[in-house]
N, C-alpha and C. Protein backbone atom coordinates (compact mmCIF):
# COMPACT_ATOMS: atom_id res chain seq x y z
N UNK A 1 -29.06 32.40 91.43
CA UNK A 1 -30.55 32.79 91.50
C UNK A 1 -30.59 34.17 92.42
N UNK A 2 -30.83 35.41 92.00
CA UNK A 2 -30.95 36.64 92.84
C UNK A 2 -31.45 36.71 93.82
N UNK A 3 -31.06 37.45 95.03
CA UNK A 3 -31.80 37.55 96.07
C UNK A 3 -33.38 38.68 95.90
N UNK A 4 -34.22 38.44 96.50
CA UNK A 4 -35.30 39.48 96.29
C UNK A 4 -34.99 40.41 97.40
N UNK A 5 -34.77 41.95 97.27
CA UNK A 5 -35.19 43.07 97.65
C UNK A 5 -36.58 43.40 98.02
N UNK A 6 -37.00 43.63 99.51
CA UNK A 6 -38.42 43.97 99.87
C UNK A 6 -38.69 45.51 99.20
N UNK A 7 -39.53 45.40 98.40
CA UNK A 7 -39.88 46.92 97.60
C UNK A 7 -40.30 48.00 99.33
N UNK A 8 -39.89 48.70 99.25
CA UNK A 8 -40.38 49.99 100.72
C UNK A 8 -41.44 50.44 100.25
N UNK A 9 -42.56 50.49 101.27
CA UNK A 9 -43.53 51.15 101.27
C UNK A 9 -43.66 52.22 100.52
N UNK A 10 -44.77 52.81 100.18
CA UNK A 10 -44.94 54.34 99.85
C UNK A 10 -45.19 55.23 101.08
N UNK A 11 -44.62 56.39 101.06
CA UNK A 11 -44.32 57.13 101.85
C UNK A 11 -45.61 58.61 101.61
N UNK A 12 -46.44 59.14 102.40
CA UNK A 12 -47.01 60.31 102.19
C UNK A 12 -45.78 61.11 101.59
N UNK A 13 -46.77 61.83 100.58
CA UNK A 13 -45.72 63.06 100.18
C UNK A 13 -44.99 64.06 100.71
N UNK A 14 -45.60 64.31 101.79
CA UNK A 14 -44.74 65.07 102.79
C UNK A 14 -43.40 64.81 103.35
N UNK A 15 -43.57 63.14 103.66
CA UNK A 15 -42.39 62.37 104.15
C UNK A 15 -41.59 62.21 103.60
N UNK A 16 -41.64 62.44 101.93
CA UNK A 16 -40.76 61.83 100.67
C UNK A 16 -39.82 62.86 100.26
N UNK A 17 -39.91 64.15 100.81
CA UNK A 17 -38.95 65.20 100.32
C UNK A 17 -39.67 66.42 99.93
N UNK A 18 -38.80 67.30 99.47
CA UNK A 18 -39.35 68.79 98.98
C UNK A 18 -38.98 68.92 97.57
N UNK A 19 -39.98 69.58 96.92
CA UNK A 19 -39.93 70.46 95.53
C UNK A 19 -39.55 71.86 95.68
N UNK A 20 -38.43 72.31 95.31
CA UNK A 20 -38.22 73.91 95.16
C UNK A 20 -37.89 74.33 93.57
N UNK A 21 -38.62 75.15 93.31
CA UNK A 21 -38.37 75.83 91.85
C UNK A 21 -37.85 77.08 91.74
N UNK A 22 -36.58 76.83 91.47
CA UNK A 22 -36.13 78.48 91.30
C UNK A 22 -36.59 79.46 90.57
N UNK A 23 -36.39 80.63 90.94
CA UNK A 23 -37.26 81.76 90.17
C UNK A 23 -36.96 81.65 88.88
N UNK A 24 -35.46 81.52 88.43
CA UNK A 24 -35.32 81.86 87.13
C UNK A 24 -36.25 80.60 86.03
N UNK A 25 -36.63 79.36 86.81
CA UNK A 25 -37.31 78.47 86.14
C UNK A 25 -38.94 79.09 85.75
N UNK A 26 -39.41 79.88 86.90
CA UNK A 26 -40.70 80.52 86.59
C UNK A 26 -40.34 81.43 85.67
N UNK A 27 -38.91 82.68 85.78
CA UNK A 27 -39.52 83.50 84.80
C UNK A 27 -38.93 82.88 83.43
N UNK A 28 -38.34 82.17 82.95
CA UNK A 28 -38.16 81.48 81.76
C UNK A 28 -39.58 81.14 81.28
N UNK A 29 -40.22 80.10 82.08
CA UNK A 29 -41.78 79.95 81.57
C UNK A 29 -42.45 80.85 81.17
N UNK A 30 -42.38 82.16 82.18
CA UNK A 30 -43.22 83.33 82.16
C UNK A 30 -42.73 84.13 80.97
N UNK A 31 -41.82 84.02 80.59
CA UNK A 31 -41.78 85.13 79.60
C UNK A 31 -41.60 84.30 78.54
N UNK A 32 -41.35 83.03 78.21
CA UNK A 32 -41.80 82.09 76.88
C UNK A 32 -43.23 82.44 76.18
N UNK A 33 -43.90 82.25 77.60
CA UNK A 33 -45.45 82.51 77.40
C UNK A 33 -45.83 83.53 76.91
N UNK A 34 -45.30 84.69 77.40
CA UNK A 34 -45.76 86.12 77.21
C UNK A 34 -45.50 86.15 75.32
N UNK A 35 -44.08 85.82 75.09
CA UNK A 35 -43.70 85.69 73.58
C UNK A 35 -44.66 84.86 72.87
N UNK A 36 -45.01 83.98 73.31
CA UNK A 36 -46.31 83.27 72.32
C UNK A 36 -47.26 84.11 72.48
N UNK A 37 -47.79 84.36 73.63
CA UNK A 37 -49.19 85.10 73.51
C UNK A 37 -49.33 86.23 72.59
N UNK A 38 -47.88 87.11 72.26
CA UNK A 38 -47.81 88.38 71.61
C UNK A 38 -47.63 87.89 70.35
N UNK A 39 -47.57 87.19 69.89
CA UNK A 39 -46.71 86.36 68.40
C UNK A 39 -47.55 87.02 67.29
N UNK A 40 -48.91 87.10 67.51
CA UNK A 40 -50.11 87.13 66.42
C UNK A 40 -49.95 88.78 66.53
N UNK A 41 -49.80 89.45 67.58
CA UNK A 41 -50.05 90.83 67.61
C UNK A 41 -48.82 91.44 66.77
N UNK A 42 -47.41 90.66 66.73
CA UNK A 42 -46.16 91.40 66.05
C UNK A 42 -46.20 90.76 64.70
N UNK A 43 -46.94 89.70 64.48
CA UNK A 43 -46.88 88.96 63.27
C UNK A 43 -46.35 89.59 61.65
N UNK A 44 -47.21 90.34 61.35
CA UNK A 44 -47.20 91.30 60.02
C UNK A 44 -46.46 92.54 60.54
N UNK A 45 -45.83 93.02 61.68
CA UNK A 45 -45.11 94.08 61.64
C UNK A 45 -44.00 94.52 61.28
N UNK A 46 -43.16 95.52 60.74
CA UNK A 46 -41.92 95.60 60.74
C UNK A 46 -41.02 95.98 61.81
N UNK A 47 -41.65 96.86 62.70
CA UNK A 47 -41.18 97.16 64.17
C UNK A 47 -41.74 96.04 65.24
N UNK A 48 -40.52 95.79 65.81
CA UNK A 48 -40.65 94.59 67.12
C UNK A 48 -40.44 95.26 68.13
N UNK A 49 -40.47 95.05 69.10
CA UNK A 49 -40.41 95.06 70.51
C UNK A 49 -39.40 94.17 71.16
N UNK A 50 -39.34 94.62 72.68
CA UNK A 50 -37.82 94.10 72.62
C UNK A 50 -38.49 92.48 73.89
N UNK A 51 -37.55 91.93 74.03
CA UNK A 51 -38.24 90.80 74.80
C UNK A 51 -38.76 90.89 76.40
N UNK A 52 -39.73 90.24 76.73
CA UNK A 52 -40.24 90.40 77.96
C UNK A 52 -39.30 90.26 78.95
N UNK A 53 -39.73 90.89 79.93
CA UNK A 53 -38.69 91.17 81.42
C UNK A 53 -39.46 90.51 82.31
N UNK A 54 -39.19 89.89 83.09
CA UNK A 54 -40.10 89.06 84.12
C UNK A 54 -39.22 89.26 85.61
N UNK A 55 -40.06 88.94 86.51
CA UNK A 55 -39.57 88.88 88.02
C UNK A 55 -40.54 88.23 88.88
N UNK A 56 -40.35 87.37 89.79
CA UNK A 56 -41.23 86.39 89.80
C UNK A 56 -40.92 86.36 91.72
N UNK A 57 -42.20 86.77 92.69
CA UNK A 57 -42.06 86.77 93.87
C UNK A 57 -42.85 85.53 94.65
N UNK A 58 -42.19 84.84 95.33
CA UNK A 58 -43.05 83.49 96.19
C UNK A 58 -42.01 82.99 96.75
N UNK A 59 -42.99 81.82 97.62
CA UNK A 59 -41.95 80.92 98.24
C UNK A 59 -41.24 80.00 97.41
N UNK A 60 -41.36 79.64 95.86
CA UNK A 60 -40.88 78.82 94.99
C UNK A 60 -41.12 77.17 95.29
N UNK A 61 -42.26 77.05 95.70
CA UNK A 61 -42.58 75.59 96.29
C UNK A 61 -44.15 75.20 95.26
N UNK A 62 -44.30 74.34 95.19
CA UNK A 62 -45.52 74.21 94.03
C UNK A 62 -46.46 74.42 94.80
N UNK A 63 -47.01 74.23 96.16
CA UNK A 63 -47.73 74.22 96.99
C UNK A 63 -48.26 75.30 97.79
N UNK A 64 -46.81 76.72 97.54
CA UNK A 64 -47.56 78.23 97.81
C UNK A 64 -47.46 78.93 96.43
N UNK A 65 -48.37 79.84 96.42
CA UNK A 65 -49.09 80.54 95.19
C UNK A 65 -47.26 81.64 94.78
N UNK A 66 -47.36 81.93 93.68
CA UNK A 66 -46.40 82.62 93.46
C UNK A 66 -47.18 83.86 92.79
N UNK A 67 -46.49 85.29 92.39
CA UNK A 67 -46.78 86.45 91.86
C UNK A 67 -45.66 86.93 90.51
N UNK A 68 -46.10 87.09 89.87
CA UNK A 68 -45.47 87.03 88.39
C UNK A 68 -45.31 88.53 87.78
N UNK A 69 -44.53 89.33 87.89
CA UNK A 69 -44.14 90.62 86.93
C UNK A 69 -43.78 90.61 85.66
N UNK A 70 -44.42 90.90 84.51
CA UNK A 70 -44.15 90.79 83.05
C UNK A 70 -43.77 91.86 82.63
N UNK A 71 -42.88 92.87 82.13
CA UNK A 71 -42.48 93.77 81.37
C UNK A 71 -42.39 93.67 80.12
N UNK A 72 -43.40 93.79 78.93
CA UNK A 72 -43.58 93.83 77.87
C UNK A 72 -43.88 95.08 76.90
N UNK A 73 -42.88 95.15 75.92
CA UNK A 73 -43.36 96.40 74.67
C UNK A 73 -44.28 95.62 73.70
N UNK A 74 -45.33 96.60 73.54
CA UNK A 74 -46.55 95.93 72.86
C UNK A 74 -46.79 96.86 71.59
N UNK A 75 -47.40 96.40 70.50
CA UNK A 75 -47.94 97.45 69.03
C UNK A 75 -48.76 98.39 69.34
N UNK A 76 -48.33 99.21 68.67
CA UNK A 76 -49.52 100.86 68.62
C UNK A 76 -49.30 101.00 67.55
N UNK A 77 -50.72 101.14 66.69
CA UNK A 77 -52.12 100.89 67.57
C UNK A 77 -52.66 99.51 67.89
N UNK A 78 -53.33 99.23 68.82
CA UNK A 78 -53.72 97.60 69.02
C UNK A 78 -54.65 98.24 70.32
N UNK A 79 -55.32 96.91 70.82
CA UNK A 79 -56.20 96.85 72.16
C UNK A 79 -55.38 96.60 72.88
N UNK A 80 -54.99 97.49 73.95
CA UNK A 80 -53.82 96.98 74.61
C UNK A 80 -54.44 96.39 75.93
N UNK A 81 -55.42 96.52 76.52
CA UNK A 81 -56.31 95.83 77.29
C UNK A 81 -56.25 94.60 77.18
N UNK A 82 -56.58 94.16 76.07
CA UNK A 82 -56.88 92.69 75.50
C UNK A 82 -55.53 92.35 75.34
N UNK A 83 -54.55 92.54 74.80
CA UNK A 83 -53.08 91.95 74.59
C UNK A 83 -52.64 92.13 76.14
N UNK A 84 -52.94 92.70 77.54
CA UNK A 84 -52.38 92.35 78.37
C UNK A 84 -53.16 91.51 78.78
N UNK A 85 -54.39 90.96 78.74
CA UNK A 85 -55.39 90.13 79.46
C UNK A 85 -54.74 88.83 78.77
N UNK A 86 -53.97 88.98 77.38
CA UNK A 86 -53.86 87.57 76.83
C UNK A 86 -52.37 86.91 77.18
N UNK A 87 -51.81 88.24 77.62
CA UNK A 87 -50.38 87.65 78.22
C UNK A 87 -50.65 87.11 79.50
N UNK A 88 -51.49 88.05 80.58
CA UNK A 88 -51.66 87.35 81.68
C UNK A 88 -52.02 85.72 81.83
N UNK A 89 -53.46 85.90 81.00
CA UNK A 89 -53.78 84.27 81.17
C UNK A 89 -53.13 83.24 80.63
N UNK A 90 -52.07 83.80 79.20
CA UNK A 90 -51.28 82.55 79.29
C UNK A 90 -49.84 82.32 80.38
N UNK A 91 -49.19 83.23 80.43
CA UNK A 91 -48.39 83.11 81.83
C UNK A 91 -49.23 82.46 83.33
N UNK A 92 -50.30 82.34 83.63
CA UNK A 92 -50.81 81.79 84.28
C UNK A 92 -51.33 80.67 84.03
N UNK A 93 -51.87 79.94 82.74
CA UNK A 93 -51.96 79.07 82.60
C UNK A 93 -50.45 78.16 82.53
N UNK A 94 -49.91 78.72 81.39
CA UNK A 94 -48.40 77.75 81.39
C UNK A 94 -47.40 77.85 82.90
N UNK A 95 -47.50 78.67 83.61
CA UNK A 95 -46.92 78.45 84.90
C UNK A 95 -47.73 77.19 85.29
N UNK A 96 -49.36 77.17 85.51
CA UNK A 96 -49.53 76.25 86.40
C UNK A 96 -49.32 74.80 85.64
N UNK A 97 -49.67 75.05 84.50
CA UNK A 97 -49.33 73.43 83.34
C UNK A 97 -48.05 72.85 83.95
N UNK A 98 -46.80 73.43 83.83
CA UNK A 98 -45.26 73.07 83.57
C UNK A 98 -44.91 73.05 84.77
N UNK A 99 -45.28 73.74 86.23
CA UNK A 99 -44.94 73.56 87.85
C UNK A 99 -45.51 72.88 88.53
N UNK A 100 -47.37 73.17 88.26
CA UNK A 100 -48.16 72.69 89.38
C UNK A 100 -48.34 73.83 90.52
N UNK A 101 -47.75 74.74 90.28
CA UNK A 101 -47.78 76.27 91.14
C UNK A 101 -48.78 76.82 90.98
N UNK A 102 -49.29 77.30 91.79
CA UNK A 102 -50.69 78.40 91.51
C UNK A 102 -49.99 79.86 91.29
N UNK A 103 -50.52 80.20 90.22
CA UNK A 103 -50.14 81.83 90.55
C UNK A 103 -51.26 82.62 91.00
N UNK A 104 -50.84 83.51 91.94
CA UNK A 104 -51.62 84.51 93.00
C UNK A 104 -52.05 85.45 91.87
N UNK A 105 -51.11 86.37 91.30
CA UNK A 105 -51.54 87.47 90.41
C UNK A 105 -50.39 87.17 89.67
N UNK A 106 -50.83 87.46 88.34
CA UNK A 106 -49.36 88.64 87.22
C UNK A 106 -49.77 89.88 86.82
N UNK A 107 -48.82 90.64 86.72
CA UNK A 107 -49.01 92.16 86.92
C UNK A 107 -48.24 92.23 85.42
N UNK A 108 -48.88 92.36 84.53
CA UNK A 108 -48.70 92.93 82.86
C UNK A 108 -48.23 94.30 83.30
N UNK A 109 -46.93 94.85 82.93
CA UNK A 109 -46.56 96.52 82.72
C UNK A 109 -46.42 96.94 81.65
N UNK A 110 -46.65 97.72 80.75
CA UNK A 110 -46.37 98.02 79.54
C UNK A 110 -45.38 98.80 79.42
N UNK A 111 -44.32 98.52 78.60
CA UNK A 111 -43.10 99.26 78.93
C UNK A 111 -42.93 100.38 78.13
N UNK A 112 -43.36 99.64 76.69
CA UNK A 112 -43.03 100.63 75.73
C UNK A 112 -44.27 100.37 74.06
N UNK A 113 -44.62 101.65 73.55
CA UNK A 113 -45.52 101.18 72.78
C UNK A 113 -44.76 101.36 71.41
N UNK A 114 -44.80 100.30 70.75
CA UNK A 114 -44.12 100.32 69.53
C UNK A 114 -44.80 100.95 68.12
N UNK A 115 -44.96 101.65 67.76
CA UNK A 115 -45.72 102.60 66.69
C UNK A 115 -45.10 101.42 65.14
N UNK A 116 -45.91 101.37 64.40
CA UNK A 116 -45.51 100.87 62.95
C UNK A 116 -44.77 101.53 62.20
N UNK A 117 -43.51 101.37 61.63
CA UNK A 117 -42.84 102.22 60.95
C UNK A 117 -43.32 101.91 59.28
N UNK A 118 -43.09 102.86 58.25
CA UNK A 118 -43.35 102.88 57.35
C UNK A 118 -42.30 101.90 56.52
N UNK A 119 -43.24 100.97 55.72
CA UNK A 119 -42.38 100.05 54.97
C UNK A 119 -41.84 100.62 53.49
């Protein structure tokens, strides 16, 4: 017969340890969110922009907010402000949902405008 091992009492969250999320994790989440946010804008176009470039600043703990900077190429002509808002909202939502971290700010930088090329 096996001996019973006592189960330790649950500790408060702060006493159990810490969680640190690397900047590259935030960057990958934000880059994917930006690509997905712009997928419809690029859908029927022959010319495509490059992948988003992302940098993240902040303490990298879920209890402290981070700031995300996303550089994107956008199709032209298009409603640039609406596309930038879409990227900002998607990056904020996905980062919060996947990491539990509050996003203080998402800065969207439009690096290039990509005109449609004739087919």
